[in-house]
Amino acid sequence: MIDTNVLLVANGQHADVSTECVTECVTRLLFLQQDGVAVIDDAFRILGEYQNKTRLNPPKGVGDVFLKWLLRQAGENSARVEQVTLTDTANDCFLEFPDPALELQFDVPDRKFVAVANAHPDKPVIWQAADCKWLDWWPALKAKGVEVEFLCPDDACAFYVKKFPKKPAPQLPG
């Protein structure tokens, strides 16, 4: 599972992240294209969000190129792009989200990533780049069997401290 901000960071569309963060996001996307499996929803909610935030014609960055690859693979190669069905329970709420109370704390666009990860039989890890709000959510998700991997932990923590100066420094998974 790949949160949209991974594509954006790989594209250089997040000016405040470190060079190491950009490199990590680029490396992960390139690896997935070469030898990985992406997981999306079968109603193309995730692909739609990616398309709204990136540029396909012409692609400018690694995130754009990854999306172009993903769109091709989604239509042709089920071994490289697996799709799961989500069940709407309300607008932007899903039966497959592992914790209905936690779902309401999530940003609406982020809910689908958790629901897809939870709905997939292998429960793929969600790659997160620099969205610091996930630092509050990952422990509850882990308790429900959904893992989050922070590709840029130093960046995410720095953004968290800036955004929530009165909160204690967050913990990272693992």
Protein backbone atom coordinates (compact mmCIF):
# COMPACT_ATOMS: atom_id res chain seq x y z
CA MET A 1 0.00 0.00 0.00
CA ILE A 2 1.38 3.35 -0.97
CA ASP A 3 0.05 6.57 0.51
CA THR A 4 -0.16 9.37 -2.04
CA ASN A 5 2.50 11.42 -0.30
CA VAL A 6 5.12 8.82 -1.30
CA LEU A 7 4.45 9.65 -4.96
CA LEU A 8 4.46 13.38 -4.22
CA VAL A 9 7.76 13.22 -2.34
CA ALA A 10 9.30 11.14 -5.15
CA ASN A 11 8.15 13.84 -7.57
CA GLY A 12 9.79 16.60 -5.54
CA GLN A 13 6.35 18.05 -4.73
CA HIS A 14 7.02 18.33 -0.99
CA ALA A 15 9.57 21.10 -0.61
CA ASP A 16 10.21 20.64 3.11
CA VAL A 17 11.38 17.02 3.09
CA SER A 18 15.01 15.96 3.25
CA THR A 19 17.02 14.73 0.30
CA GLU A 20 17.18 11.35 2.05
CA CYS A 21 13.39 11.20 2.15
CA VAL A 22 13.12 11.90 -1.58
CA THR A 23 15.76 9.25 -2.29
CA GLU A 24 13.96 6.66 -0.14
CA CYS A 25 10.59 7.28 -1.83
CA VAL A 26 12.16 7.14 -5.30
CA THR A 27 14.02 3.92 -4.44
CA ARG A 28 10.88 2.24 -3.10
CA LEU A 29 8.75 3.14 -6.12
CA LEU A 30 11.43 1.99 -8.56
CA PHE A 31 11.85 -1.28 -6.68
CA LEU A 32 8.12 -1.91 -6.68
CA GLN A 33 7.99 -1.36 -10.44
CA GLN A 34 10.81 -3.86 -10.95
CA ASP A 35 9.87 -6.56 -8.51
CA GLY A 36 6.83 -5.80 -6.38
CA VAL A 37 3.09 -6.00 -6.12
CA ALA A 38 0.89 -2.94 -5.63
CA VAL A 39 -2.50 -3.17 -3.96
CA ILE A 40 -5.38 -0.83 -4.83
CA ASP A 41 -9.16 -0.81 -4.58
CA ASP A 42 -11.23 -2.09 -7.49
CA ALA A 43 -13.27 1.13 -7.70
CA PHE A 44 -10.05 3.06 -8.45
CA ARG A 45 -10.40 5.46 -5.51
CA ILE A 46 -6.65 5.27 -4.90
CA LEU A 47 -5.76 5.65 -8.58
CA GLY A 48 -8.13 8.62 -8.79
CA GLU A 49 -6.39 10.34 -5.90
CA TYR A 50 -2.98 9.66 -7.41
CA GLN A 51 -4.15 11.12 -10.73
CA ASN A 52 -5.51 14.25 -9.03
CA LYS A 53 -2.19 14.92 -7.31
CA THR A 54 0.31 14.01 -10.04
CA ARG A 55 0.95 14.76 -13.70
CA LEU A 56 0.69 12.06 -16.34
CA ASN A 57 1.10 13.94 -19.60
CA PRO A 58 3.97 14.36 -19.75
CA PRO A 59 5.14 12.73 -16.54
CA LYS A 60 7.66 14.93 -14.73
CA GLY A 61 8.83 12.85 -11.77
CA VAL A 62 9.29 9.32 -10.48
CA GLY A 63 5.85 9.40 -8.82
CA ASP A 64 4.24 10.32 -12.14
CA VAL A 65 6.08 7.54 -13.97
CA PHE A 66 5.09 5.10 -11.22
CA LEU A 67 1.43 6.05 -11.64
CA LYS A 68 1.65 5.57 -15.39
CA TRP A 69 3.13 2.10 -14.80
CA LEU A 70 0.46 1.33 -12.20
CA LEU A 71 -2.37 2.32 -14.55
CA ARG A 72 -1.00 0.02 -17.26
CA GLN A 73 -0.47 -2.87 -14.88
CA ALA A 74 -3.89 -2.49 -13.25
CA GLY A 75 -5.54 -3.21 -16.56
CA GLU A 76 -3.18 -5.92 -17.80
CA ASN A 77 -1.34 -7.67 -15.01
CA SER A 78 -3.17 -8.89 -11.92
CA ALA A 79 0.06 -10.51 -10.69
CA ARG A 80 1.62 -7.04 -10.24
CA VAL A 81 -1.46 -5.06 -9.15
CA GLU A 82 -3.93 -6.72 -6.84
CA GLN A 83 -7.35 -5.16 -6.33
CA VAL A 84 -9.70 -5.46 -3.38
CA THR A 85 -13.32 -4.44 -2.99
CA LEU A 86 -14.34 -1.85 -0.42
CA THR A 87 -17.85 -1.58 1.00
CA ASP A 88 -19.10 1.95 1.68
CA THR A 89 -20.92 2.32 4.99
CA ALA A 90 -21.25 6.09 4.67
CA ASN A 91 -19.59 8.77 2.56
CA ASP A 92 -15.84 7.97 2.71
CA CYS A 93 -16.31 5.32 5.40
CA PHE A 94 -15.69 1.64 4.78
CA LEU A 95 -16.81 -1.62 6.32
CA GLU A 96 -13.25 -2.87 5.86
CA PHE A 97 -11.71 -0.14 8.05
CA PRO A 98 -10.55 -2.09 11.12
CA ASP A 99 -11.78 0.34 13.79
CA PRO A 100 -14.89 2.48 13.16
CA ALA A 101 -14.06 4.89 16.01
CA LEU A 102 -10.54 5.45 14.70
CA GLU A 103 -11.84 5.88 11.16
CA LEU A 104 -13.60 9.09 12.18
CA GLN A 105 -10.29 10.54 13.43
CA PHE A 106 -8.63 9.93 10.06
CA ASP A 107 -8.42 12.45 7.27
CA VAL A 108 -11.07 11.42 4.76
CA PRO A 109 -8.59 10.80 1.88
CA ASP A 110 -6.45 8.50 4.07
CA ARG A 111 -9.24 6.12 5.09
CA LYS A 112 -9.20 4.15 1.85
CA PHE A 113 -5.54 3.14 2.30
CA VAL A 114 -6.26 1.58 5.68
CA ALA A 115 -9.44 -0.10 4.46
CA VAL A 116 -7.66 -1.60 1.43
CA ALA A 117 -4.73 -2.84 3.52
CA ASN A 118 -7.13 -4.42 6.01
CA ALA A 119 -9.33 -5.96 3.29
CA HIS A 120 -6.42 -7.64 1.50
CA PRO A 121 -5.75 -11.19 2.75
CA ASP A 122 -2.00 -10.46 3.18
CA LYS A 123 -2.57 -7.15 5.01
CA PRO A 124 0.16 -5.26 3.09
CA VAL A 125 2.15 -2.64 4.96
CA ILE A 126 1.16 0.97 4.24
CA TRP A 127 4.11 3.07 3.08
CA GLN A 128 3.96 6.53 4.58
CA ALA A 129 6.45 9.28 3.69
CA ALA A 130 5.99 12.51 5.63
CA ASP A 131 2.35 12.84 6.75
CA CYS A 132 2.94 13.26 10.47
CA LYS A 133 -0.67 12.60 11.54
CA TRP A 134 -0.06 8.89 10.91
CA LEU A 135 2.29 8.96 13.91
CA ASP A 136 -0.80 9.22 16.13
CA TRP A 137 -2.66 6.49 14.26
CA TRP A 138 -0.15 3.69 13.71
CA PRO A 139 -0.35 2.12 17.24
CA ALA A 140 -4.13 1.63 17.04
CA LEU A 141 -3.82 0.32 13.49
CA LYS A 142 -1.10 -2.12 14.51
CA ALA A 143 -3.34 -3.40 17.32
CA LYS A 144 -5.89 -4.23 14.59
CA GLY A 145 -3.34 -5.94 12.34
CA VAL A 146 -2.56 -3.07 9.94
CA GLU A 147 1.09 -2.01 9.79
CA VAL A 148 2.45 1.40 8.78
CA GLU A 149 6.05 1.87 7.63
CA PHE A 150 7.43 5.38 7.81
CA LEU A 151 9.86 5.73 4.91
CA CYS A 152 11.05 9.09 6.25
CA PRO A 153 10.82 8.78 10.04
CA ASP A 154 13.03 11.79 10.82
CA ASP A 155 11.02 14.02 8.49
CA ALA A 156 7.67 12.78 9.82
CA CYS A 157 8.77 13.37 13.43
CA ALA A 158 10.09 16.86 12.64
CA PHE A 159 6.81 17.79 10.95
CA TYR A 160 4.89 16.38 13.92
CA VAL A 161 6.79 18.49 16.46
CA LYS A 162 6.19 21.59 14.32
CA LYS A 163 2.50 20.87 13.78
CA PHE A 164 1.73 19.73 17.34
CA PRO A 165 4.19 21.64 19.55
CA LYS A 166 2.24 20.93 22.76
CA LYS A 167 2.19 17.17 22.26
CA PRO A 168 5.04 14.89 23.33
CA ALA A 169 7.36 13.60 20.64
CA PRO A 170 5.78 10.65 18.85
CA GLN A 171 6.95 7.05 18.91
CA LEU A 172 7.81 5.20 15.75
CA PRO A 173 6.90 1.61 14.99
CA GLY A 174 9.49 -1.11 15.51
